[in-house]
Amino acid sequence: MKTTIKLTDEQIETITKAEKEKLLKNFDIEVAKLKSKLDSDLAKLSSKYGNLTINIDDEIDEPKETIKFDYDLLKKLIDDGKTNKEIGVIMNYPNKTIGLRKNYLLNIKGKGKTESTKKVKK
């Protein structure tokens, strides 16, 4: 079981500049992985829901909830008509003394599936 420790500003200041840069780089890698997984899941859903796009924005102060992303969750969000969702990405590090959280806003935009009809020449 992983434990997440919320650090105070004073505790964060004690982390060296090199450590901060490493932590931020790790977040970027994790977000890239998350986006890749979401793109894959959205591709599976697009045949049913039309063209779907995502955008991950890191300007959120506090997420409402932390979500594990998977195919069923994406389907539920779309079925519920949710167009955006605040998420938290929690990272834990091997020394177990640092646990940081970075927040993102996930926007799921669906253009809707349209039925096309072909005119038949007589």
PDB file of N, CA and C in Angstrom:
ATOM      1  N   MET A   1       0.826  -1.180   0.000  1.00  0.00           N
ATOM      2  CA  MET A   1       0.000   0.000   0.000  1.00  0.00           C
ATOM      3  C   MET A   1       0.874   1.248   0.000  1.00  0.00           C
ATOM      4  N   LYS A   2       0.584   2.170  -0.898  1.00  0.00           N
ATOM      5  CA  LYS A   2       1.391   3.373  -1.001  1.00  0.00           C
ATOM      6  C   LYS A   2       0.813   4.472  -0.121  1.00  0.00           C
ATOM      7  N   THR A   3       1.695   5.228   0.488  1.00  0.00           N
ATOM      8  CA  THR A   3       1.274   6.357   1.306  1.00  0.00           C
ATOM      9  C   THR A   3       1.733   7.641   0.638  1.00  0.00           C
ATOM     10  N   THR A   4       0.829   8.596   0.542  1.00  0.00           N
ATOM     11  CA  THR A   4       1.181   9.883  -0.023  1.00  0.00           C
ATOM     12  C   THR A   4       1.313  10.895   1.094  1.00  0.00           C
ATOM     13  N   ILE A   5       2.450  11.576   1.116  1.00  0.00           N
ATOM     14  CA  ILE A   5       2.712  12.576   2.145  1.00  0.00           C
ATOM     15  C   ILE A   5       2.581  13.947   1.507  1.00  0.00           C
ATOM     16  N   LYS A   6       1.726  14.779   2.061  1.00  0.00           N
ATOM     17  CA  LYS A   6       1.591  16.142   1.549  1.00  0.00           C
ATOM     18  C   LYS A   6       2.655  16.991   2.239  1.00  0.00           C
ATOM     19  N   LEU A   7       3.522  17.616   1.445  1.00  0.00           N
ATOM     20  CA  LEU A   7       4.616  18.387   2.005  1.00  0.00           C
ATOM     21  C   LEU A   7       4.217  19.842   2.229  1.00  0.00           C
ATOM     22  N   THR A   8       4.743  20.420   3.304  1.00  0.00           N
ATOM     23  CA  THR A   8       4.535  21.848   3.536  1.00  0.00           C
ATOM     24  C   THR A   8       5.520  22.615   2.664  1.00  0.00           C
ATOM     25  N   ASP A   9       5.296  23.906   2.509  1.00  0.00           N
ATOM     26  CA  ASP A   9       6.217  24.732   1.726  1.00  0.00           C
ATOM     27  C   ASP A   9       7.631  24.658   2.279  1.00  0.00           C
ATOM     28  N   GLU A  10       7.753  24.631   3.617  1.00  0.00           N
ATOM     29  CA  GLU A  10       9.077  24.561   4.246  1.00  0.00           C
ATOM     30  C   GLU A  10       9.783  23.255   3.883  1.00  0.00           C
ATOM     31  N   GLN A  11       9.019  22.151   3.898  1.00  0.00           N
ATOM     32  CA  GLN A  11       9.616  20.858   3.558  1.00  0.00           C
ATOM     33  C   GLN A  11      10.045  20.833   2.089  1.00  0.00           C
ATOM     34  N   ILE A  12       9.216  21.428   1.239  1.00  0.00           N
ATOM     35  CA  ILE A  12       9.544  21.451  -0.186  1.00  0.00           C
ATOM     36  C   ILE A  12      10.818  22.260  -0.415  1.00  0.00           C
ATOM     37  N   GLU A  13      10.990  23.350   0.335  1.00  0.00           N
ATOM     38  CA  GLU A  13      12.177  24.189   0.175  1.00  0.00           C
ATOM     39  C   GLU A  13      13.453  23.433   0.528  1.00  0.00           C
ATOM     40  N   THR A  14      13.329  22.396   1.378  1.00  0.00           N
ATOM     41  CA  THR A  14      14.531  21.655   1.759  1.00  0.00           C
ATOM     42  C   THR A  14      14.990  20.692   0.674  1.00  0.00           C
ATOM     43  N   ILE A  15      14.140  20.452  -0.310  1.00  0.00           N
ATOM     44  CA  ILE A  15      14.543  19.595  -1.431  1.00  0.00           C
ATOM     45  C   ILE A  15      15.482  20.415  -2.315  1.00  0.00           C
ATOM     46  N   THR A  16      16.588  19.846  -2.706  1.00  0.00           N
ATOM     47  CA  THR A  16      17.553  20.607  -3.501  1.00  0.00           C
ATOM     48  C   THR A  16      16.994  20.908  -4.886  1.00  0.00           C
ATOM     49  N   LYS A  17      17.617  21.887  -5.543  1.00  0.00           N
ATOM     50  CA  LYS A  17      17.176  22.278  -6.882  1.00  0.00           C
ATOM     51  C   LYS A  17      17.257  21.089  -7.843  1.00  0.00           C
ATOM     52  N   ALA A  18      18.325  20.312  -7.742  1.00  0.00           N
ATOM     53  CA  ALA A  18      18.498  19.142  -8.619  1.00  0.00           C
ATOM     54  C   ALA A  18      17.388  18.123  -8.385  1.00  0.00           C
ATOM     55  N   GLU A  19      17.028  17.925  -7.113  1.00  0.00           N
ATOM     56  CA  GLU A  19      15.950  16.988  -6.793  1.00  0.00           C
ATOM     57  C   GLU A  19      14.623  17.488  -7.351  1.00  0.00           C
ATOM     58  N   LYS A  20      14.363  18.796  -7.226  1.00  0.00           N
ATOM     59  CA  LYS A  20      13.135  19.367  -7.759  1.00  0.00           C
ATOM     60  C   LYS A  20      13.042  19.147  -9.266  1.00  0.00           C
ATOM     61  N   GLU A  21      14.150  19.404  -9.963  1.00  0.00           N
ATOM     62  CA  GLU A  21      14.157  19.233 -11.420  1.00  0.00           C
ATOM     63  C   GLU A  21      13.905  17.779 -11.790  1.00  0.00           C
ATOM     64  N   LYS A  22      14.493  16.864 -11.026  1.00  0.00           N
ATOM     65  CA  LYS A  22      14.292  15.437 -11.294  1.00  0.00           C
ATOM     66  C   LYS A  22      12.828  15.048 -11.064  1.00  0.00           C
ATOM     67  N   LEU A  23      12.235  15.547  -9.982  1.00  0.00           N
ATOM     68  CA  LEU A  23      10.843  15.233  -9.679  1.00  0.00           C
ATOM     69  C   LEU A  23       9.919  15.771 -10.774  1.00  0.00           C
ATOM     70  N   LEU A  24      10.167  17.005 -11.207  1.00  0.00           N
ATOM     71  CA  LEU A  24       9.330  17.592 -12.254  1.00  0.00           C
ATOM     72  C   LEU A  24       9.484  16.836 -13.566  1.00  0.00           C
ATOM     73  N   LYS A  25      10.697  16.397 -13.869  1.00  0.00           N
ATOM     74  CA  LYS A  25      10.921  15.630 -15.099  1.00  0.00           C
ATOM     75  C   LYS A  25      10.151  14.308 -15.028  1.00  0.00           C
ATOM     76  N   ASN A  26      10.169  13.678 -13.846  1.00  0.00           N
ATOM     77  CA  ASN A  26       9.431  12.426 -13.668  1.00  0.00           C
ATOM     78  C   ASN A  26       7.939  12.640 -13.856  1.00  0.00           C
ATOM     79  N   PHE A  27       7.424  13.779 -13.373  1.00  0.00           N
ATOM     80  CA  PHE A  27       6.007  14.079 -13.573  1.00  0.00           C
ATOM     81  C   PHE A  27       5.701  14.178 -15.057  1.00  0.00           C
ATOM     82  N   ASP A  28       6.561  14.888 -15.791  1.00  0.00           N
ATOM     83  CA  ASP A  28       6.331  15.045 -17.225  1.00  0.00           C
ATOM     84  C   ASP A  28       6.299  13.692 -17.928  1.00  0.00           C
ATOM     85  N   ILE A  29       7.180  12.792 -17.515  1.00  0.00           N
ATOM     86  CA  ILE A  29       7.216  11.449 -18.106  1.00  0.00           C
ATOM     87  C   ILE A  29       5.917  10.707 -17.792  1.00  0.00           C
ATOM     88  N   GLU A  30       5.469  10.792 -16.536  1.00  0.00           N
ATOM     89  CA  GLU A  30       4.239  10.109 -16.140  1.00  0.00           C
ATOM     90  C   GLU A  30       3.026  10.674 -16.872  1.00  0.00           C
ATOM     91  N   VAL A  31       2.994  12.000 -17.047  1.00  0.00           N
ATOM     92  CA  VAL A  31       1.872  12.611 -17.759  1.00  0.00           C
ATOM     93  C   VAL A  31       1.889  12.188 -19.226  1.00  0.00           C
ATOM     94  N   ALA A  32       3.064  12.087 -19.818  1.00  0.00           N
ATOM     95  CA  ALA A  32       3.168  11.622 -21.206  1.00  0.00           C
ATOM     96  C   ALA A  32       2.631  10.198 -21.317  1.00  0.00           C
ATOM     97  N   LYS A  33       2.954   9.349 -20.331  1.00  0.00           N
ATOM     98  CA  LYS A  33       2.444   7.970 -20.317  1.00  0.00           C
ATOM     99  C   LYS A  33       0.925   7.968 -20.186  1.00  0.00           C
ATOM    100  N   LEU A  34       0.410   8.827 -19.283  1.00  0.00           N
ATOM    101  CA  LEU A  34      -1.028   8.924 -19.071  1.00  0.00           C
ATOM    102  C   LEU A  34      -1.728   9.362 -20.352  1.00  0.00           C
ATOM    103  N   LYS A  35      -1.167  10.365 -21.022  1.00  0.00           N
ATOM    104  CA  LYS A  35      -1.777  10.866 -22.251  1.00  0.00           C
ATOM    105  C   LYS A  35      -1.755   9.792 -23.338  1.00  0.00           C
ATOM    106  N   SER A  36      -0.662   9.053 -23.421  1.00  0.00           N
ATOM    107  CA  SER A  36      -0.557   7.981 -24.407  1.00  0.00           C
ATOM    108  C   SER A  36      -1.629   6.921 -24.162  1.00  0.00           C
ATOM    109  N   LYS A  37      -1.819   6.546 -22.886  1.00  0.00           N
ATOM    110  CA  LYS A  37      -2.843   5.553 -22.526  1.00  0.00           C
ATOM    111  C   LYS A  37      -4.234   6.079 -22.856  1.00  0.00           C
ATOM    112  N   LEU A  38      -4.479   7.358 -22.540  1.00  0.00           N
ATOM    113  CA  LEU A  38      -5.786   7.946 -22.823  1.00  0.00           C
ATOM    114  C   LEU A  38      -6.045   7.996 -24.322  1.00  0.00           C
ATOM    115  N   ASP A  39      -5.019   8.372 -25.084  1.00  0.00           N
ATOM    116  CA  ASP A  39      -5.176   8.417 -26.544  1.00  0.00           C
ATOM    117  C   ASP A  39      -5.559   7.041 -27.074  1.00  0.00           C
ATOM    118  N   SER A  40      -4.921   6.009 -26.520  1.00  0.00           N
ATOM    119  CA  SER A  40      -5.211   4.638 -26.935  1.00  0.00           C
ATOM    120  C   SER A  40      -6.659   4.270 -26.602  1.00  0.00           C
ATOM    121  N   ASP A  41      -7.090   4.596 -25.372  1.00  0.00           N
ATOM    122  CA  ASP A  41      -8.459   4.277 -24.962  1.00  0.00           C
ATOM    123  C   ASP A  41      -9.482   5.068 -25.770  1.00  0.00           C
ATOM    124  N   LEU A  42      -9.172   6.336 -26.051  1.00  0.00           N
ATOM    125  CA  LEU A  42     -10.101   7.160 -26.818  1.00  0.00           C
ATOM    126  C   LEU A  42     -10.235   6.642 -28.250  1.00  0.00           C
ATOM    127  N   ALA A  43      -9.150   6.104 -28.786  1.00  0.00           N
ATOM    128  CA  ALA A  43      -9.216   5.543 -30.135  1.00  0.00           C
ATOM    129  C   ALA A  43     -10.213   4.385 -30.174  1.00  0.00           C
ATOM    130  N   LYS A  44     -10.237   3.583 -29.105  1.00  0.00           N
ATOM    131  CA  LYS A  44     -11.187   2.467 -29.023  1.00  0.00           C
ATOM    132  C   LYS A  44     -12.631   2.974 -28.970  1.00  0.00           C
ATOM    133  N   LEU A  45     -12.825   4.112 -28.284  1.00  0.00           N
ATOM    134  CA  LEU A  45     -14.172   4.643 -28.103  1.00  0.00           C
ATOM    135  C   LEU A  45     -14.667   5.453 -29.299  1.00  0.00           C
ATOM    136  N   SER A  46     -13.759   5.979 -30.109  1.00  0.00           N
ATOM    137  CA  SER A  46     -14.161   6.920 -31.153  1.00  0.00           C
ATOM    138  C   SER A  46     -15.070   6.296 -32.204  1.00  0.00           C
ATOM    139  N   SER A  47     -14.979   4.986 -32.392  1.00  0.00           N
ATOM    140  CA  SER A  47     -15.859   4.356 -33.374  1.00  0.00           C
ATOM    141  C   SER A  47     -17.320   4.445 -32.927  1.00  0.00           C
ATOM    142  N   LYS A  48     -17.548   4.487 -31.618  1.00  0.00           N
ATOM    143  CA  LYS A  48     -18.913   4.594 -31.114  1.00  0.00           C
ATOM    144  C   LYS A  48     -19.334   6.049 -30.892  1.00  0.00           C
ATOM    145  N   TYR A  49     -18.410   6.876 -30.414  1.00  0.00           N
ATOM    146  CA  TYR A  49     -18.783   8.226 -29.993  1.00  0.00           C
ATOM    147  C   TYR A  49     -18.340   9.324 -30.955  1.00  0.00           C
ATOM    148  N   GLY A  50     -17.733   8.980 -32.062  1.00  0.00           N
ATOM    149  CA  GLY A  50     -17.229  10.006 -32.964  1.00  0.00           C
ATOM    150  C   GLY A  50     -15.820  10.413 -32.557  1.00  0.00           C
ATOM    151  N   ASN A  51     -15.324  11.480 -33.176  1.00  0.00           N
ATOM    152  CA  ASN A  51     -13.962  11.923 -32.880  1.00  0.00           C
ATOM    153  C   ASN A  51     -13.868  12.492 -31.474  1.00  0.00           C
ATOM    154  N   LEU A  52     -12.962  11.929 -30.670  1.00  0.00           N
ATOM    155  CA  LEU A  52     -12.770  12.392 -29.306  1.00  0.00           C
ATOM    156  C   LEU A  52     -11.344  12.923 -29.173  1.00  0.00           C
ATOM    157  N   THR A  53     -11.206  14.027 -28.467  1.00  0.00           N
ATOM    158  CA  THR A  53      -9.872  14.571 -28.237  1.00  0.00           C
ATOM    159  C   THR A  53      -9.690  14.838 -26.745  1.00  0.00           C
ATOM    160  N   ILE A  54      -8.438  14.823 -26.297  1.00  0.00           N
ATOM    161  CA  ILE A  54      -8.170  15.136 -24.893  1.00  0.00           C
ATOM    162  C   ILE A  54      -7.131  16.234 -24.792  1.00  0.00           C
ATOM    163  N   ASN A  55      -7.192  16.928 -23.673  1.00  0.00           N
ATOM    164  CA  ASN A  55      -6.214  17.959 -23.373  1.00  0.00           C
ATOM    165  C   ASN A  55      -5.906  17.856 -21.888  1.00  0.00           C
ATOM    166  N   ILE A  56      -4.634  17.821 -21.551  1.00  0.00           N
ATOM    167  CA  ILE A  56      -4.252  17.769 -20.145  1.00  0.00           C
ATOM    168  C   ILE A  56      -3.611  19.105 -19.784  1.00  0.00           C
ATOM    169  N   ASP A  57      -4.168  19.762 -18.775  1.00  0.00           N
ATOM    170  CA  ASP A  57      -3.721  21.088 -18.365  1.00  0.00           C
ATOM    171  C   ASP A  57      -3.296  21.018 -16.903  1.00  0.00           C
ATOM    172  N   ASP A  58      -2.129  21.554 -16.568  1.00  0.00           N
ATOM    173  CA  ASP A  58      -1.637  21.427 -15.191  1.00  0.00           C
ATOM    174  C   ASP A  58      -1.852  22.679 -14.344  1.00  0.00           C
ATOM    175  N   GLU A  59      -2.854  23.467 -14.684  1.00  0.00           N
ATOM    176  CA  GLU A  59      -3.093  24.711 -13.952  1.00  0.00           C
ATOM    177  C   GLU A  59      -4.143  24.578 -12.842  1.00  0.00           C
ATOM    178  N   ILE A  60      -4.461  23.367 -12.423  1.00  0.00           N
ATOM    179  CA  ILE A  60      -5.499  23.162 -11.406  1.00  0.00           C
ATOM    180  C   ILE A  60      -4.861  23.137 -10.014  1.00  0.00           C
ATOM    181  N   ASP A  61      -5.459  23.858  -9.075  1.00  0.00           N
ATOM    182  CA  ASP A  61      -4.909  23.897  -7.708  1.00  0.00           C
ATOM    183  C   ASP A  61      -5.200  22.619  -6.936  1.00  0.00           C
ATOM    184  N   GLU A  62      -6.470  22.257  -6.839  1.00  0.00           N
ATOM    185  CA  GLU A  62      -6.865  21.060  -6.083  1.00  0.00           C
ATOM    186  C   GLU A  62      -7.851  20.226  -6.891  1.00  0.00           C
ATOM    187  N   PRO A  63      -7.512  18.976  -7.181  1.00  0.00           N
ATOM    188  CA  PRO A  63      -8.458  18.137  -7.918  1.00  0.00           C
ATOM    189  C   PRO A  63      -9.584  17.667  -6.994  1.00  0.00           C
ATOM    190  N   LYS A  64     -10.726  17.397  -7.581  1.00  0.00           N
ATOM    191  CA  LYS A  64     -11.849  16.905  -6.782  1.00  0.00           C
ATOM    192  C   LYS A  64     -11.639  15.450  -6.385  1.00  0.00           C
ATOM    193  N   GLU A  65     -10.965  14.708  -7.237  1.00  0.00           N
ATOM    194  CA  GLU A  65     -10.731  13.305  -6.924  1.00  0.00           C
ATOM    195  C   GLU A  65      -9.555  12.783  -7.728  1.00  0.00           C
ATOM    196  N   THR A  66      -9.021  11.669  -7.275  1.00  0.00           N
ATOM    197  CA  THR A  66      -7.950  11.005  -8.004  1.00  0.00           C
ATOM    198  C   THR A  66      -8.569   9.833  -8.741  1.00  0.00           C
ATOM    199  N   ILE A  67      -8.245   9.712  -9.994  1.00  0.00           N
ATOM    200  CA  ILE A  67      -8.908   8.728 -10.840  1.00  0.00           C
ATOM    201  C   ILE A  67      -7.887   7.812 -11.502  1.00  0.00           C
ATOM    202  N   LYS A  68      -8.191   6.525 -11.503  1.00  0.00           N
ATOM    203  CA  LYS A  68      -7.404   5.581 -12.288  1.00  0.00           C
ATOM    204  C   LYS A  68      -8.089   5.507 -13.651  1.00  0.00           C
ATOM    205  N   PHE A  69      -7.353   5.784 -14.698  1.00  0.00           N
ATOM    206  CA  PHE A  69      -7.969   5.816 -16.016  1.00  0.00           C
ATOM    207  C   PHE A  69      -7.993   4.436 -16.654  1.00  0.00           C
ATOM    208  N   ASP A  70      -9.108   4.099 -17.203  1.00  0.00           N
ATOM    209  CA  ASP A  70      -9.224   2.885 -17.972  1.00  0.00           C
ATOM    210  C   ASP A  70     -10.387   3.030 -18.946  1.00  0.00           C
ATOM    211  N   TYR A  71     -10.545   2.063 -19.795  1.00  0.00           N
ATOM    212  CA  TYR A  71     -11.566   2.093 -20.841  1.00  0.00           C
ATOM    213  C   TYR A  71     -12.964   2.313 -20.259  1.00  0.00           C
ATOM    214  N   ASP A  72     -13.298   1.575 -19.209  1.00  0.00           N
ATOM    215  CA  ASP A  72     -14.639   1.678 -18.618  1.00  0.00           C
ATOM    216  C   ASP A  72     -14.900   3.062 -18.041  1.00  0.00           C
ATOM    217  N   LEU A  73     -13.871   3.659 -17.417  1.00  0.00           N
ATOM    218  CA  LEU A  73     -14.048   4.995 -16.854  1.00  0.00           C
ATOM    219  C   LEU A  73     -14.314   6.014 -17.970  1.00  0.00           C
ATOM    220  N   LEU A  74     -13.536   5.946 -19.032  1.00  0.00           N
ATOM    221  CA  LEU A  74     -13.737   6.887 -20.132  1.00  0.00           C
ATOM    222  C   LEU A  74     -15.135   6.740 -20.721  1.00  0.00           C
ATOM    223  N   LYS A  75     -15.571   5.496 -20.880  1.00  0.00           N
ATOM    224  CA  LYS A  75     -16.916   5.254 -21.414  1.00  0.00           C
ATOM    225  C   LYS A  75     -17.969   5.850 -20.484  1.00  0.00           C
ATOM    226  N   LYS A  76     -17.792   5.671 -19.160  1.00  0.00           N
ATOM    227  CA  LYS A  76     -18.751   6.191 -18.192  1.00  0.00           C
ATOM    228  C   LYS A  76     -18.785   7.724 -18.227  1.00  0.00           C
ATOM    229  N   LEU A  77     -17.619   8.357 -18.298  1.00  0.00           N
ATOM    230  CA  LEU A  77     -17.573   9.823 -18.346  1.00  0.00           C
ATOM    231  C   LEU A  77     -18.339  10.350 -19.551  1.00  0.00           C
ATOM    232  N   ILE A  78     -18.148   9.683 -20.686  1.00  0.00           N
ATOM    233  CA  ILE A  78     -18.823  10.129 -21.910  1.00  0.00           C
ATOM    234  C   ILE A  78     -20.318   9.842 -21.812  1.00  0.00           C
ATOM    235  N   ASP A  79     -20.674   8.646 -21.324  1.00  0.00           N
ATOM    236  CA  ASP A  79     -22.093   8.301 -21.174  1.00  0.00           C
ATOM    237  C   ASP A  79     -22.805   9.258 -20.222  1.00  0.00           C
ATOM    238  N   ASP A  80     -22.086   9.709 -19.180  1.00  0.00           N
ATOM    239  CA  ASP A  80     -22.671  10.642 -18.208  1.00  0.00           C
ATOM    240  C   ASP A  80     -22.704  12.076 -18.726  1.00  0.00           C
ATOM    241  N   GLY A  81     -22.148  12.297 -19.917  1.00  0.00           N
ATOM    242  CA  GLY A  81     -22.148  13.638 -20.487  1.00  0.00           C
ATOM    243  C   GLY A  81     -21.131  14.566 -19.855  1.00  0.00           C
ATOM    244  N   LYS A  82     -20.127  14.009 -19.169  1.00  0.00           N
ATOM    245  CA  LYS A  82     -19.097  14.834 -18.556  1.00  0.00           C
ATOM    246  C   LYS A  82     -18.119  15.265 -19.649  1.00  0.00           C
ATOM    247  N   THR A  83     -17.843  16.543 -19.728  1.00  0.00           N
ATOM    248  CA  THR A  83     -16.907  17.010 -20.751  1.00  0.00           C
ATOM    249  C   THR A  83     -15.554  17.352 -20.168  1.00  0.00           C
ATOM    250  N   ASN A  84     -15.463  17.524 -18.858  1.00  0.00           N
ATOM    251  CA  ASN A  84     -14.138  17.717 -18.275  1.00  0.00           C
ATOM    252  C   ASN A  84     -14.106  17.123 -16.877  1.00  0.00           C
ATOM    253  N   LYS A  85     -12.947  16.785 -16.437  1.00  0.00           N
ATOM    254  CA  LYS A  85     -12.792  16.093 -15.161  1.00  0.00           C
ATOM    255  C   LYS A  85     -11.470  16.521 -14.548  1.00  0.00           C
ATOM    256  N   GLU A  86     -11.493  16.914 -13.273  1.00  0.00           N
ATOM    257  CA  GLU A  86     -10.248  17.245 -12.598  1.00  0.00           C
ATOM    258  C   GLU A  86      -9.651  15.959 -12.056  1.00  0.00           C
ATOM    259  N   ILE A  87      -8.352  15.821 -12.228  1.00  0.00           N
ATOM    260  CA  ILE A  87      -7.682  14.606 -11.787  1.00  0.00           C
ATOM    261  C   ILE A  87      -6.433  14.962 -10.993  1.00  0.00           C
ATOM    262  N   GLY A  88      -5.987  14.036 -10.173  1.00  0.00           N
ATOM    263  CA  GLY A  88      -4.728  14.192  -9.465  1.00  0.00           C
ATOM    264  C   GLY A  88      -3.813  13.057  -9.862  1.00  0.00           C
ATOM    265  N   VAL A  89      -2.560  13.383 -10.134  1.00  0.00           N
ATOM    266  CA  VAL A  89      -1.563  12.352 -10.408  1.00  0.00           C
ATOM    267  C   VAL A  89      -0.657  12.316  -9.185  1.00  0.00           C
ATOM    268  N   ILE A  90      -0.587  11.175  -8.527  1.00  0.00           N
ATOM    269  CA  ILE A  90       0.219  11.056  -7.320  1.00  0.00           C
ATOM    270  C   ILE A  90       1.466  10.242  -7.641  1.00  0.00           C
ATOM    271  N   MET A  91       2.607  10.797  -7.282  1.00  0.00           N
ATOM    272  CA  MET A  91       3.873  10.104  -7.514  1.00  0.00           C
ATOM    273  C   MET A  91       4.516   9.799  -6.163  1.00  0.00           C
ATOM    274  N   ASN A  92       4.982   8.583  -6.009  1.00  0.00           N
ATOM    275  CA  ASN A  92       5.718   8.209  -4.810  1.00  0.00           C
ATOM    276  C   ASN A  92       7.123   7.794  -5.211  1.00  0.00           C
ATOM    277  N   TYR A  93       8.079   8.098  -4.363  1.00  0.00           N
ATOM    278  CA  TYR A  93       9.471   7.831  -4.697  1.00  0.00           C
ATOM    279  C   TYR A  93      10.057   6.780  -3.762  1.00  0.00           C
ATOM    280  N   PRO A  94      11.075   6.052  -4.256  1.00  0.00           N
ATOM    281  CA  PRO A  94      11.611   4.890  -3.541  1.00  0.00           C
ATOM    282  C   PRO A  94      12.023   5.144  -2.089  1.00  0.00           C
ATOM    283  N   ASN A  95      12.542   6.340  -1.787  1.00  0.00           N
ATOM    284  CA  ASN A  95      12.995   6.563  -0.410  1.00  0.00           C
ATOM    285  C   ASN A  95      11.831   6.731   0.565  1.00  0.00           C
ATOM    286  N   LYS A  96      10.602   6.828   0.026  1.00  0.00           N
ATOM    287  CA  LYS A  96       9.365   6.880   0.804  1.00  0.00           C
ATOM    288  C   LYS A  96       9.264   8.093   1.732  1.00  0.00           C
ATOM    289  N   THR A  97      10.176   9.055   1.580  1.00  0.00           N
ATOM    290  CA  THR A  97      10.069  10.266   2.400  1.00  0.00           C
ATOM    291  C   THR A  97       9.446  11.397   1.596  1.00  0.00           C
ATOM    292  N   ILE A  98       9.343  11.192   0.280  1.00  0.00           N
ATOM    293  CA  ILE A  98       8.764  12.233  -0.567  1.00  0.00           C
ATOM    294  C   ILE A  98       7.597  11.649  -1.347  1.00  0.00           C
ATOM    295  N   GLY A  99       6.445  12.282  -1.248  1.00  0.00           N
ATOM    296  CA  GLY A  99       5.299  11.905  -2.060  1.00  0.00           C
ATOM    297  C   GLY A  99       4.681  13.192  -2.562  1.00  0.00           C
ATOM    298  N   LEU A 100       4.731  13.415  -3.834  1.00  0.00           N
ATOM    299  CA  LEU A 100       4.212  14.660  -4.386  1.00  0.00           C
ATOM    300  C   LEU A 100       2.984  14.408  -5.236  1.00  0.00           C
ATOM    301  N   ARG A 101       2.141  15.413  -5.308  1.00  0.00           N
ATOM    302  CA  ARG A 101       0.928  15.315  -6.112  1.00  0.00           C
ATOM    303  C   ARG A 101       0.920  16.480  -7.096  1.00  0.00           C
ATOM    304  N   LYS A 102       0.643  16.199  -8.333  1.00  0.00           N
ATOM    305  CA  LYS A 102       0.504  17.246  -9.332  1.00  0.00           C
ATOM    306  C   LYS A 102      -0.872  17.098  -9.958  1.00  0.00           C
ATOM    307  N   ASN A 103      -1.545  18.209 -10.149  1.00  0.00           N
ATOM    308  CA  ASN A 103      -2.938  18.164 -10.577  1.00  0.00           C
ATOM    309  C   ASN A 103      -3.097  18.550 -12.042  1.00  0.00           C
ATOM    310  N   TYR A 104      -4.052  17.934 -12.675  1.00  0.00           N
ATOM    311  CA  TYR A 104      -4.302  18.176 -14.091  1.00  0.00           C
ATOM    312  C   TYR A 104      -5.793  18.298 -14.336  1.00  0.00           C
ATOM    313  N   LEU A 105      -6.145  18.985 -15.384  1.00  0.00           N
ATOM    314  CA  LEU A 105      -7.536  19.033 -15.822  1.00  0.00           C
ATOM    315  C   LEU A 105      -7.607  18.249 -17.125  1.00  0.00           C
ATOM    316  N   LEU A 106      -8.457  17.252 -17.138  1.00  0.00           N
ATOM    317  CA  LEU A 106      -8.651  16.441 -18.335  1.00  0.00           C
ATOM    318  C   LEU A 106      -9.921  16.903 -19.024  1.00  0.00           C
ATOM    319  N   ASN A 107      -9.793  17.309 -20.257  1.00  0.00           N
ATOM    320  CA  ASN A 107     -10.976  17.676 -21.041  1.00  0.00           C
ATOM    321  C   ASN A 107     -11.237  16.582 -22.060  1.00  0.00           C
ATOM    322  N   ILE A 108     -12.418  16.030 -22.031  1.00  0.00           N
ATOM    323  CA  ILE A 108     -12.813  15.049 -23.036  1.00  0.00           C
ATOM    324  C   ILE A 108     -13.846  15.723 -23.915  1.00  0.00           C
ATOM    325  N   LYS A 109     -13.524  15.841 -25.183  1.00  0.00           N
ATOM    326  CA  LYS A 109     -14.439  16.514 -26.098  1.00  0.00           C
ATOM    327  C   LYS A 109     -14.873  15.540 -27.182  1.00  0.00           C
ATOM    328  N   GLY A 110     -16.163  15.371 -27.321  1.00  0.00           N
ATOM    329  CA  GLY A 110     -16.689  14.490 -28.355  1.00  0.00           C
ATOM    330  C   GLY A 110     -17.432  15.296 -29.398  1.00  0.00           C
ATOM    331  N   LYS A 111     -17.166  15.016 -30.657  1.00  0.00           N
ATOM    332  CA  LYS A 111     -17.864  15.725 -31.735  1.00  0.00           C
ATOM    333  C   LYS A 111     -19.168  15.029 -32.102  1.00  0.00           C
ATOM    334  N   GLY A 112     -19.358  13.846 -31.566  1.00  0.00           N
ATOM    335  CA  GLY A 112     -20.595  13.115 -31.858  1.00  0.00           C
ATOM    336  C   GLY A 112     -20.480  12.287 -33.126  1.00  0.00           C
ATOM    337  N   LYS A 113     -21.089  11.154 -33.099  1.00  0.00           N
ATOM    338  CA  LYS A 113     -21.068  10.246 -34.254  1.00  0.00           C
ATOM    339  C   LYS A 113     -22.193  10.641 -35.195  1.00  0.00           C
ATOM    340  N   THR A 114     -21.869  10.784 -36.451  1.00  0.00           N
ATOM    341  CA  THR A 114     -22.910  11.124 -37.424  1.00  0.00           C
ATOM    342  C   THR A 114     -23.050   9.983 -38.417  1.00  0.00           C
ATOM    343  N   GLU A 115     -24.262   9.711 -38.757  1.00  0.00           N
ATOM    344  CA  GLU A 115     -24.528   8.663 -39.742  1.00  0.00           C
ATOM    345  C   GLU A 115     -24.457   9.272 -41.133  1.00  0.00           C
ATOM    346  N   SER A 116     -23.701   8.652 -41.999  1.00  0.00           N
ATOM    347  CA  SER A 116     -23.625   9.182 -43.359  1.00  0.00           C
ATOM    348  C   SER A 116     -24.465   8.300 -44.283  1.00  0.00           C
ATOM    349  N   THR A 117     -25.120   8.934 -45.198  1.00  0.00           N
ATOM    350  CA  THR A 117     -25.927   8.184 -46.161  1.00  0.00           C
ATOM    351  C   THR A 117     -25.377   8.446 -47.554  1.00  0.00           C
ATOM    352  N   LYS A 118     -25.373   7.418 -48.347  1.00  0.00           N
ATOM    353  CA  LYS A 118     -24.869   7.552 -49.721  1.00  0.00           C
ATOM    354  C   LYS A 118     -26.044   7.610 -50.678  1.00  0.00           C
ATOM    355  N   LYS A 119     -25.913   8.521 -51.626  1.00  0.00           N
ATOM    356  CA  LYS A 119     -26.943   8.576 -52.661  1.00  0.00           C
ATOM    357  C   LYS A 119     -26.624   7.518 -53.698  1.00  0.00           C
ATOM    358  N   VAL A 120     -27.654   6.802 -54.070  1.00  0.00           N
ATOM    359  CA  VAL A 120     -27.472   5.743 -55.063  1.00  0.00           C
ATOM    360  C   VAL A 120     -27.994   6.231 -56.412  1.00  0.00           C
ATOM    361  N   LYS A 121     -27.113   6.145 -57.409  1.00  0.00           N
ATOM    362  CA  LYS A 121     -27.547   6.556 -58.758  1.00  0.00           C
ATOM    363  C   LYS A 121     -28.465   5.500 -59.333  1.00  0.00           C
ATOM    364  N   LYS A 122     -29.531   5.970 -59.987  1.00  0.00           N
ATOM    365  CA  LYS A 122     -30.470   5.027 -60.603  1.00  0.00           C
ATOM    366  C   LYS A 122     -30.271   5.003 -62.088  1.00  0.00           C
TER     367      LYS A 122
END
